[in-house]
Protein backbone atom coordinates (compact mmCIF):
# COMPACT_ATOMS: atom_id res chain seq x y z
CA MET A 1 68.96 84.84 68.71
CA SER A 2 69.89 85.07 72.44
CA LYS A 3 70.62 81.97 74.47
CA GLU A 4 68.41 81.49 77.49
CA ALA A 5 69.98 80.50 80.78
CA ARG A 6 68.88 80.28 84.56
CA PHE A 7 70.07 83.47 86.33
CA ALA A 8 70.98 81.36 89.37
CA ASP A 9 73.30 79.19 87.06
CA PHE A 10 75.38 82.27 86.09
CA ALA A 11 75.01 84.77 88.62
CA LEU A 12 74.33 85.61 92.39
CA LEU A 13 72.51 88.55 93.84
CA LEU A 14 73.56 89.15 97.17
CA ARG A 15 70.71 91.50 98.66
CA ASP A 16 67.33 91.98 97.27
CA THR A 17 68.11 95.86 97.37
CA ASP A 18 71.33 95.42 95.24
CA ASP A 19 71.65 96.93 91.85
CA VAL A 20 74.18 94.43 90.91
CA ALA A 21 74.62 90.82 90.67
CA VAL A 22 78.07 88.94 90.73
CA ILE A 23 78.86 86.54 87.85
CA LYS A 24 79.84 83.12 88.96
CA ARG A 25 80.73 81.93 85.50
CA PRO A 26 81.55 83.77 82.37
CA VAL A 27 78.63 84.99 80.49
CA ARG A 28 78.82 85.42 76.73
CA ALA A 29 77.01 88.67 75.10
CA GLY A 30 73.52 88.23 74.23
CA THR A 31 72.92 85.24 76.91
CA GLU A 32 69.39 85.89 78.27
CA LEU A 33 69.38 85.44 82.12
CA VAL A 34 66.04 84.47 83.48
CA ASN A 35 65.16 84.80 87.29
CA GLY A 36 61.19 84.22 87.38
CA SER A 37 59.35 86.79 85.51
CA ILE A 38 62.79 88.76 85.21
CA ARG A 39 64.78 88.65 82.09
CA LEU A 40 68.43 90.22 81.65
CA ILE A 41 70.33 90.25 78.37
CA ALA A 42 73.95 90.51 78.76
CA GLY A 43 75.20 93.46 76.73
CA ARG A 44 78.74 92.14 76.47
CA ASP A 45 80.95 89.27 77.48
CA ILE A 46 81.37 89.27 81.35
CA PRO A 47 84.06 87.57 83.22
CA ALA A 48 83.43 85.54 86.44
CA GLY A 49 83.71 87.70 89.57
CA HIS A 50 82.44 90.78 87.62
CA LYS A 51 79.23 92.55 88.10
CA LEU A 52 76.06 92.58 85.90
CA ALA A 53 73.44 95.51 86.21
CA VAL A 54 70.00 93.81 87.25
CA LYS A 55 68.16 97.19 86.98
CA ALA A 56 68.50 100.42 85.26
CA ILE A 57 70.65 103.08 87.16
CA PRO A 58 70.50 106.68 86.11
CA ASP A 59 73.73 108.57 85.53
CA GLY A 60 75.04 109.87 88.85
CA GLY A 61 72.94 107.28 90.84
CA PRO A 62 74.44 105.00 93.57
CA VAL A 63 75.22 101.64 92.77
CA ARG A 64 74.81 99.06 95.48
CA LYS A 65 76.14 95.73 96.43
CA TYR A 66 76.07 93.94 99.72
CA GLY A 67 73.21 96.18 100.42
CA GLN A 68 75.85 99.07 100.57
CA ILE A 69 77.10 101.86 98.00
CA ILE A 70 80.08 100.64 96.21
CA GLY A 71 80.29 103.81 93.90
CA PHE A 72 78.08 105.80 91.51
CA ALA A 73 77.07 105.23 87.88
CA LYS A 74 79.37 107.04 85.31
CA GLY A 75 76.49 107.71 82.64
CA ASP A 76 73.23 105.58 82.30
CA ILE A 77 73.68 102.12 83.10
CA ALA A 78 71.08 99.67 81.49
CA SER A 79 69.91 96.35 83.01
CA GLY A 80 72.17 93.40 81.72
CA ASP A 81 75.05 95.88 81.45
CA HIS A 82 78.58 94.97 82.46
CA VAL A 83 79.40 97.48 85.52
CA HIS A 84 82.87 98.10 86.01
CA THR A 85 85.66 101.04 85.63
CA HIS A 86 83.91 102.12 82.30
CA ASN A 87 80.76 103.11 83.92
CA LEU A 88 81.31 103.13 87.73
CA GLU A 89 83.16 105.77 89.66
CA MET A 90 84.04 106.67 93.21
CA LYS A 91 82.53 109.73 95.03
CA ASP A 92 82.53 110.70 98.46
CA PHE A 93 79.30 110.46 100.48
CA ALA A 94 78.08 110.57 103.99
CA ARG A 95 78.52 107.59 106.07
CA ASP A 96 76.60 107.15 109.28
CA TYR A 97 79.11 106.04 112.01
CA ASP A 98 76.52 105.43 114.45
CA PHE A 99 79.04 104.45 117.09
CA CYS A 100 78.35 101.18 119.20
CA ALA A 101 74.78 100.73 117.83
CA ALA A 102 75.49 97.15 116.74
CA ALA A 103 77.86 96.20 119.41
CA ARG A 104 76.43 92.92 120.91
CA PRO A 105 78.11 91.13 123.86
CA VAL A 106 80.16 88.04 122.96
CA GLU A 107 78.48 84.84 123.53
CA TYR A 108 81.53 82.98 124.98
CA TYR A 109 81.72 79.25 125.32
CA PRO A 110 81.65 78.09 128.95
CA PRO A 111 85.24 76.99 130.28
CA GLU A 112 84.37 73.10 130.01
CA LYS A 113 84.02 73.57 126.25
CA MET A 114 87.52 75.16 125.78
CA ARG A 115 89.46 73.64 122.78
CA SER A 116 93.08 73.19 123.04
CA PHE A 117 96.09 73.15 120.74
CA GLN A 118 99.53 71.93 120.93
CA GLY A 119 101.72 75.00 121.63
CA TYR A 120 104.97 76.32 123.21
CA ALA A 121 104.44 77.81 126.45
CA ARG A 122 106.86 81.09 126.97
CA PRO A 123 107.80 83.21 129.85
CA GLY A 124 105.21 85.74 130.95
CA GLY A 125 102.31 83.56 129.69
CA ARG A 126 102.79 83.98 126.07
CA VAL A 127 102.24 80.88 123.65
CA GLY A 128 104.14 79.99 120.61
CA THR A 129 102.88 78.27 117.60
CA ARG A 130 106.25 77.98 116.04
CA ASN A 131 109.89 77.63 117.61
CA TYR A 132 112.54 79.83 115.65
CA VAL A 133 115.71 81.57 116.46
CA ALA A 134 116.06 84.95 114.97
CA VAL A 135 118.99 87.13 113.77
CA ILE A 136 117.55 90.72 113.73
CA SER A 137 118.96 93.50 111.64
CA SER A 138 118.91 97.03 113.16
CA VAL A 139 119.83 98.44 109.86
CA ASN A 140 119.94 97.55 106.37
CA CYS A 141 123.82 98.05 106.74
CA SER A 142 123.96 94.58 108.89
CA ALA A 143 121.49 92.89 106.46
CA SER A 144 124.22 90.70 104.56
CA VAL A 145 125.90 89.79 107.84
CA SER A 146 122.60 88.79 109.19
CA HIS A 147 122.06 86.50 106.33
CA TYR A 148 125.67 85.03 106.77
CA VAL A 149 124.90 83.93 110.15
CA LYS A 150 121.71 82.34 109.18
CA ASP A 151 123.44 80.56 106.06
CA ARG A 152 125.67 78.89 108.82
CA PHE A 153 122.55 76.92 109.85
CA ARG A 154 121.26 74.65 107.08
CA ILE A 155 117.71 73.41 107.69
CA GLU A 156 118.99 69.85 107.00
CA ASP A 157 121.51 69.92 109.61
CA LEU A 158 119.15 71.78 112.09
CA ARG A 159 116.38 69.13 111.34
CA ARG A 160 118.98 66.26 112.17
CA ASP A 161 120.52 67.94 115.29
CA PHE A 162 117.65 69.97 116.49
CA PRO A 163 114.34 68.42 115.67
CA ASN A 164 112.23 70.83 117.71
CA VAL A 165 113.53 73.92 116.13
CA ASP A 166 111.72 75.35 113.18
CA GLY A 167 114.73 76.99 111.88
CA VAL A 168 117.08 80.05 112.08
CA VAL A 169 115.57 83.13 110.35
CA ALA A 170 117.30 86.60 109.43
CA PHE A 171 114.95 89.35 109.85
CA THR A 172 116.48 92.22 107.56
CA HIS A 173 114.78 95.35 105.89
CA LYS A 174 115.80 98.08 103.85
CA SER A 175 115.84 100.91 106.38
CA GLY A 176 117.53 101.78 109.72
CA CYS A 177 119.40 104.97 108.88
CA GLY A 178 118.59 108.26 106.95
CA ILE A 179 115.40 108.19 108.88
CA GLN A 180 113.72 111.02 110.65
CA PRO A 181 113.72 110.75 114.51
CA GLY A 182 110.42 110.64 116.00
CA GLU A 183 107.47 108.49 114.61
CA PRO A 184 109.34 106.79 111.82
CA HIS A 185 112.15 105.87 114.15
CA GLN A 186 109.71 104.92 117.11
CA LEU A 187 107.82 102.79 114.28
CA LEU A 188 110.80 100.82 113.15
CA MET A 189 112.09 100.15 116.76
CA ARG A 190 108.76 98.95 117.53
CA VAL A 191 108.74 96.45 114.73
CA LEU A 192 112.06 95.16 115.72
CA ALA A 193 111.25 94.76 119.29
CA GLY A 194 108.03 92.93 118.34
CA ILE A 195 109.83 90.42 116.45
CA ALA A 196 112.58 90.03 119.17
CA ARG A 197 109.57 89.30 121.69
CA HIS A 198 107.33 87.36 119.58
CA PRO A 199 106.07 84.24 121.15
CA ASN A 200 107.38 82.12 118.14
CA ILE A 201 110.92 83.35 118.66
CA ALA A 202 112.79 81.23 121.47
CA GLY A 203 115.81 83.22 121.27
CA TYR A 204 117.67 86.07 119.04
CA VAL A 205 120.80 87.78 118.08
CA MET A 206 120.59 91.58 117.13
CA ILE A 207 123.12 93.05 114.91
CA GLY A 208 123.68 96.66 113.83
CA LEU A 209 126.61 98.32 112.02
CA GLY A 210 127.28 100.60 114.87
CA CYS A 211 127.01 104.30 113.48
CA GLU A 212 122.94 104.38 112.24
CA VAL A 213 120.24 106.20 113.45
CA ASN A 214 118.37 103.02 114.75
CA GLN A 215 120.94 102.19 117.23
CA VAL A 216 120.77 98.70 118.82
CA GLN A 217 121.33 100.33 122.29
CA PHE A 218 118.33 102.28 121.64
CA ILE A 219 116.08 99.63 120.87
CA ARG A 220 117.54 97.69 123.95
CA GLN A 221 116.56 100.79 126.23
CA GLU A 222 113.55 101.88 124.88
CA PHE A 223 111.74 98.44 124.89
CA LYS A 224 113.81 97.26 128.02
CA LEU A 225 115.06 94.15 126.04
CA ASP A 226 117.53 93.27 128.84
CA GLU A 227 114.86 92.77 131.25
CA LEU A 228 114.16 89.30 131.17
CA LYS A 229 111.39 87.14 132.67
CA PRO A 230 112.36 83.91 134.50
CA GLY A 231 113.23 81.27 131.98
CA GLU A 232 113.87 83.59 128.91
CA THR A 233 116.94 83.16 126.87
CA ALA A 234 119.26 85.84 127.16
CA PRO A 235 119.71 87.68 123.85
CA THR A 236 123.09 88.71 122.14
CA PHE A 237 123.59 92.37 120.76
CA LEU A 238 126.55 92.89 118.45
CA THR A 239 127.48 95.85 116.10
CA ILE A 240 129.86 95.25 113.12
CA GLN A 241 132.19 98.38 114.05
CA SER A 242 132.59 97.39 117.68
CA THR A 243 133.33 93.65 117.00
CA GLY A 244 135.93 94.10 114.38
CA GLY A 245 134.25 93.77 111.06
CA VAL A 246 132.17 91.22 109.03
CA ARG A 247 133.99 88.09 109.89
CA ARG A 248 134.39 88.50 113.43
CA THR A 249 130.60 89.59 113.57
CA VAL A 250 129.62 86.63 111.58
CA ASP A 251 131.47 84.37 113.80
CA ALA A 252 130.40 85.89 117.11
CA ALA A 253 126.64 85.92 116.18
CA ALA A 254 127.13 82.32 114.91
CA ALA A 255 128.62 81.20 118.13
CA ALA A 256 125.57 83.04 120.09
CA VAL A 257 123.10 81.04 117.84
CA THR A 258 125.01 78.05 118.53
CA LYS A 259 124.43 78.29 122.34
CA ILE A 260 120.76 79.23 121.80
CA LEU A 261 119.80 76.34 119.72
CA PRO A 262 120.17 73.43 122.45
CA VAL A 263 117.86 75.60 124.83
CA THR A 264 115.30 75.96 121.85
CA ASN A 265 115.41 72.39 121.12
CA ASP A 266 114.47 71.61 124.63
CA ASN A 267 111.12 73.51 124.13
CA ARG A 268 108.26 70.98 123.86
CA ARG A 269 104.65 71.59 122.80
CA VAL A 270 102.02 71.22 125.41
CA PRO A 271 98.33 71.64 125.33
CA GLN A 272 97.24 75.17 125.33
CA PRO A 273 93.84 77.02 125.46
CA ILE A 274 92.77 78.41 121.99
CA SER A 275 92.38 81.66 124.00
CA ARG A 276 96.01 82.11 123.40
CA LEU A 277 95.80 82.53 119.73
CA ILE A 278 96.34 85.84 118.40
CA LEU A 279 95.03 85.73 114.54
CA ALA A 280 96.28 88.06 111.74
CA GLU A 281 93.46 88.33 109.08
CA ASN A 282 94.80 89.52 105.61
CA CYS A 283 93.91 89.45 102.07
CA GLY A 284 95.86 89.91 98.91
CA GLY A 285 95.06 89.52 95.04
CA SER A 286 91.34 90.15 96.00
CA ASP A 287 88.68 89.33 93.39
CA GLY A 288 84.85 89.50 92.90
CA ASN A 289 84.44 86.72 94.88
CA SER A 290 86.31 87.40 97.99
CA GLY A 291 83.65 89.34 99.73
CA ILE A 292 81.24 86.32 98.93
CA THR A 293 83.23 83.35 99.80
CA ALA A 294 86.61 83.46 101.61
CA ASN A 295 86.27 86.76 103.45
CA PRO A 296 82.78 85.94 105.08
CA ALA A 297 84.10 82.46 105.79
CA LEU A 298 87.16 83.72 107.69
CA GLY A 299 84.66 86.04 109.56
CA VAL A 300 82.80 82.89 110.87
CA ALA A 301 86.31 81.47 111.91
CA SER A 302 87.20 84.79 113.49
CA ASP A 303 83.85 84.92 115.54
CA GLU A 304 84.51 81.21 116.67
CA LEU A 305 88.07 82.21 117.98
CA VAL A 306 86.74 85.17 119.86
CA ARG A 307 83.82 83.08 121.56
CA TYR A 308 86.55 80.83 122.63
CA GLY A 309 88.39 83.65 124.28
CA GLY A 310 91.05 84.32 121.75
CA THR A 311 91.82 87.41 119.71
CA SER A 312 91.54 87.93 115.79
CA VAL A 313 92.90 91.02 114.51
CA LEU A 314 91.84 93.02 110.96
CA ALA A 315 94.02 95.24 109.32
CA GLU A 316 94.93 97.03 105.96
CA THR A 317 93.25 100.70 106.78
CA PRO A 318 93.10 101.74 103.14
CA GLU A 319 91.00 98.61 102.44
CA ILE A 320 88.39 99.39 104.97
CA TYR A 321 87.83 102.71 103.38
CA GLY A 322 84.25 103.27 102.71
CA ALA A 323 83.26 100.50 105.05
CA GLU A 324 84.69 101.74 108.33
CA HIS A 325 81.16 102.63 109.29
CA LEU A 326 80.23 98.84 109.48
CA LEU A 327 83.01 98.61 112.11
CA THR A 328 82.21 101.77 114.21
CA ARG A 329 78.79 100.54 114.71
CA ARG A 330 80.26 97.47 116.21
CA ALA A 331 82.66 99.39 118.52
CA VAL A 332 82.43 98.50 122.13
CA SER A 333 82.84 102.14 123.10
CA ARG A 334 82.75 105.67 121.24
CA ASP A 335 86.44 106.16 122.02
CA VAL A 336 87.38 102.88 119.90
CA GLY A 337 84.98 103.90 117.23
CA GLU A 338 86.69 107.37 117.09
CA LYS A 339 90.04 106.06 117.09
CA LEU A 340 89.22 104.09 113.98
CA VAL A 341 87.70 107.13 112.31
CA SER A 342 90.93 109.25 113.11
CA LEU A 343 92.92 106.68 111.13
CA ILE A 344 90.72 107.00 108.05
CA ARG A 345 91.19 110.85 108.23
CA TRP A 346 95.02 110.40 108.70
CA TRP A 347 94.97 108.21 105.55
CA GLU A 348 93.01 110.68 103.67
CA ASN A 349 95.53 113.31 104.44
CA HIS A 350 98.42 110.89 103.81
CA ALA A 351 97.28 110.25 100.29
CA ARG A 352 96.59 114.06 99.74
CA ARG A 353 100.04 114.96 100.68
CA HIS A 354 101.53 112.52 98.41
CA ASP A 355 99.18 113.62 95.55
CA ALA A 356 97.35 110.17 95.57
CA THR A 357 93.97 108.99 96.04
CA ILE A 358 92.69 106.16 98.16
CA ASP A 359 90.79 104.92 95.36
CA ASN A 360 93.98 103.80 93.59
CA ASN A 361 94.25 100.76 96.09
CA PRO A 362 92.30 98.45 93.90
CA SER A 363 95.34 96.96 91.91
CA TYR A 364 95.47 95.99 88.19
CA GLY A 365 94.85 92.25 89.62
CA ASN A 366 91.93 93.50 91.77
CA LYS A 367 90.35 94.98 88.69
CA GLU A 368 90.76 92.00 86.45
CA GLY A 369 89.18 89.84 89.29
CA GLY A 370 86.03 92.17 89.00
CA LEU A 371 86.66 94.74 91.92
CA THR A 372 85.72 98.35 90.74
CA THR A 373 86.12 100.71 93.66
CA ILE A 374 87.87 100.82 96.92
CA TYR A 375 84.33 100.89 98.39
CA GLU A 376 83.49 97.64 96.78
CA LYS A 377 86.94 96.13 97.79
CA SER A 378 86.33 97.44 101.51
CA LEU A 379 82.89 96.11 101.84
CA GLY A 380 84.21 92.57 100.89
CA ALA A 381 87.24 92.88 103.01
CA VAL A 382 85.62 93.79 106.42
CA ALA A 383 83.82 90.59 106.13
CA LYS A 384 86.76 88.81 107.40
CA GLY A 385 86.14 90.51 110.85
CA GLY A 386 82.80 88.47 111.43
CA GLN A 387 80.27 90.08 113.70
CA SER A 388 82.00 90.49 116.87
CA PRO A 389 82.33 93.74 118.83
CA LEU A 390 85.21 95.87 117.89
CA ALA A 391 87.22 95.64 121.13
CA ALA A 392 90.41 97.87 120.53
CA VAL A 393 92.21 99.57 117.67
CA TYR A 394 95.96 99.54 117.58
CA GLN A 395 98.77 101.45 115.82
CA TYR A 396 101.16 99.53 113.46
CA ALA A 397 103.19 96.89 115.29
CA GLU A 398 101.59 97.92 118.67
CA PRO A 399 101.64 95.18 121.14
CA ILE A 400 98.10 93.39 121.20
CA THR A 401 96.79 92.91 124.90
CA THR A 402 92.87 93.07 124.10
CA THR A 403 91.31 89.76 123.68
CA GLY A 404 88.33 89.71 121.25
CA PHE A 405 87.88 91.24 117.59
CA CYS A 406 90.45 94.26 117.25
CA PHE A 407 91.94 96.35 114.32
CA MET A 408 95.37 97.27 113.56
CA ASP A 409 96.31 100.50 111.39
CA THR A 410 98.60 98.95 108.49
CA PRO A 411 98.88 99.86 104.72
CA GLY A 412 97.00 97.33 102.40
CA TYR A 413 100.28 96.08 101.10
CA ASP A 414 100.38 92.45 102.09
CA PRO A 415 103.93 91.85 103.34
CA VAL A 416 104.06 95.34 105.16
CA SER A 417 100.51 94.65 106.70
CA MET A 418 101.34 91.06 107.90
CA THR A 419 104.84 92.46 109.25
CA GLY A 420 102.86 94.67 111.52
CA LEU A 421 100.39 92.38 112.69
CA VAL A 422 103.14 89.56 113.37
CA CYS A 423 105.15 92.35 115.23
CA GLY A 424 102.05 93.14 117.35
CA GLY A 425 102.11 89.54 118.61
CA CYS A 426 100.00 87.53 116.14
CA ASN A 427 101.08 84.14 116.33
CA ILE A 428 99.05 82.71 113.42
CA GLY A 429 97.51 84.06 110.13
CA VAL A 430 94.84 83.37 107.55
CA PHE A 431 95.15 84.96 104.32
CA THR A 432 92.61 85.15 101.65
CA THR A 433 93.40 85.41 97.73
CA GLY A 434 91.30 85.43 94.72
CA ARG A 435 93.90 85.95 92.21
CA GLY A 436 96.60 83.71 93.76
CA SER A 437 99.01 85.21 96.24
CA VAL A 438 101.93 83.02 97.39
CA TYR A 439 102.59 84.93 100.48
CA GLY A 440 104.25 83.03 103.25
CA CYS A 441 105.30 84.31 106.60
CA LYS A 442 108.05 83.57 109.20
CA PRO A 443 107.76 83.37 112.17
CA ALA A 444 104.02 82.90 112.02
CA PRO A 445 102.47 80.18 109.93
CA CYS A 446 99.90 81.55 107.35
CA ILE A 447 97.27 79.75 106.05
CA LYS A 448 95.89 80.59 102.49
CA VAL A 449 92.23 80.38 101.36
CA ALA A 450 91.28 80.60 97.78
CA THR A 451 88.18 82.28 96.82
CA ASN A 452 87.24 80.22 93.83
CA THR A 453 87.70 76.75 92.86
CA PRO A 454 89.43 77.29 89.65
CA LEU A 455 92.19 79.14 91.38
CA TYR A 456 92.48 76.29 94.08
CA ASN A 457 92.82 73.68 91.23
CA TRP A 458 95.45 75.76 89.32
CA MET A 459 97.39 76.49 92.14
CA GLN A 460 96.70 73.61 94.70
CA ASP A 461 100.61 73.46 95.84
CA ASP A 462 100.03 77.13 97.42
CA MET A 463 96.51 76.97 98.75
CA ASP A 464 95.37 75.72 102.01
CA ILE A 465 91.64 75.61 101.60
CA ASN A 466 89.03 76.18 98.73
CA ALA A 467 86.51 78.70 99.53
CA GLY A 468 84.92 78.33 96.18
CA THR A 469 82.86 75.50 97.01
CA ILE A 470 80.48 78.09 98.45
CA LEU A 471 79.93 79.49 94.86
CA ASP A 472 79.89 75.90 93.38
CA GLY A 473 76.91 75.35 95.81
CA THR A 474 78.58 72.19 97.68
CA GLU A 475 79.22 74.00 100.98
CA THR A 476 77.81 77.11 102.95
CA VAL A 477 79.80 79.83 104.40
CA GLU A 478 79.42 78.71 107.81
CA GLN A 479 80.75 75.08 106.81
CA VAL A 480 83.82 76.70 105.21
CA GLY A 481 84.30 79.11 108.06
CA ARG A 482 84.28 75.93 110.46
CA ARG A 483 86.73 74.28 108.20
CA ILE A 484 89.14 77.25 108.57
CA PHE A 485 88.51 77.28 112.41
CA GLU A 486 89.62 73.70 112.54
CA LYS A 487 92.88 74.38 110.09
CA ILE A 488 93.84 77.19 112.55
CA ILE A 489 93.81 74.89 115.36
CA ALA A 490 95.80 72.15 113.28
CA VAL A 491 98.37 74.53 112.02
CA ALA A 492 98.64 76.14 115.51
CA GLY A 493 99.59 72.72 116.90
CA GLY A 494 102.24 71.98 114.22
CA GLU A 495 100.72 71.23 110.93
CA LYS A 496 102.51 72.91 108.03
CA THR A 497 100.95 75.35 105.77
CA ARG A 498 101.61 75.09 102.08
CA SER A 499 103.89 78.05 102.26
CA GLU A 500 105.86 76.55 104.95
CA LEU A 501 106.39 73.46 102.67
CA ALA A 502 107.57 75.66 99.99
CA GLY A 503 109.97 77.28 102.36
CA ILE A 504 108.47 80.81 101.77
CA GLY A 505 108.69 83.38 104.46
CA ASP A 506 112.51 84.35 104.65
CA GLU A 507 112.17 87.58 102.60
CA GLU A 508 108.43 88.78 103.43
CA PHE A 509 109.70 90.81 106.69
CA ALA A 510 108.83 94.43 105.56
CA PRO A 511 108.30 97.04 107.91
CA TRP A 512 106.39 99.99 107.15
CA ILE A 513 108.89 102.79 106.26
CA LEU A 514 107.28 106.36 107.32
CA GLY A 515 108.49 109.58 105.92
CA PRO A 516 111.51 110.72 103.89
CA THR A 517 114.83 109.10 103.54
CA PHE A 518 117.43 111.56 104.05
């Protein structure tokens, strides 16, 4: 005999036109979910975050969630069936890009309502949310040396002697030589120059080996790193071979950092308009709740920041695949929309060249959490971008110069994506997770938002905000979005995130490596 339960207690139908509902609490096989005159009997145990068919779907028929196609039935699906990888598949379908059709002017707040945060004024009008000194490797061959330099400056000593300095960070990576001249080399140089010029970096030392493809001198020349604005701290450039080996290079770099620290410590936080914030938006370890709770709530915060004249940047191109038409409709111009579509075509070709498919993007954890296809994942992911018009589209780590809601081309892998956003100039980040990411970032603080209450309760030391209250029925998307927005202002002004308190961020710098290694 089936157990009867209220549909609303166990499931959530996002749109009246949807074919599936999202399970809020685990449903046992045989449970009869009652929604008015409609009765659905669960055909099997269905975990939270997964999908339940609310109507019969014929073999090959489109399956809708969020009012959009998330895939196609792989065999007949009966009402009450669990809908997942066993009966839902991805097929290509025509998407109406309808450029600019839904672009609406931003309703900016008047100047007298401008909010502020306590930030670091940098030369050239940039504003920092943190105050770091960087040791930057041009090549992996100098990575250990960079870490040796950083290790000379223990955080306990820095807090005692230089209380206004957030730390000395070594930015190392796995590339820099054996790479193809052209786009792969240009991209890596752009990343390293982006860290060097980041508003959260008060001063830096750059270290190379001396014989690598990615020469320190090339980065200096290409990005004019010697051309300093008034008040900028002069950088130091070293190569191990010309300095006389590891020990001498470590000594020379440490001496340079020692000179930078007092100047960095003299920096003070002063009131800054929140229009100077550039927000990196990312998600990792997503689940079936991401597009219902944390992501749309972040979209509310994103829209609010844009209304104050700030900037928010969505990324992870493979994770907007199948939902890009929702962004092209919001493009401020056809050129902006076409630029986004060209990124989608590049990724399609990139996947084919490597005998891969973009639908492989949903990870094991995503699928365990209820996400089935990349279309479904993408529809939830774009919710982070709110409803603001799409103002600009950027290449990976390209300097972000346009205010408003923007998009940056990055892979979906979290550390690589966030590295591009930060090197483009993002000075703070918000990261949503349903499975439990422990990502942290230096030099830009990263706020983590849990999509569900069980995760938040289980990993409270790692989560900053619980968006699961939306599913619990105690808060609305708008209310959680406002909480995220207020947390952005607080963290920008110096409040530590959970990942900062845990000391995470030294190993998460991960430039996108394009092309073969020779």
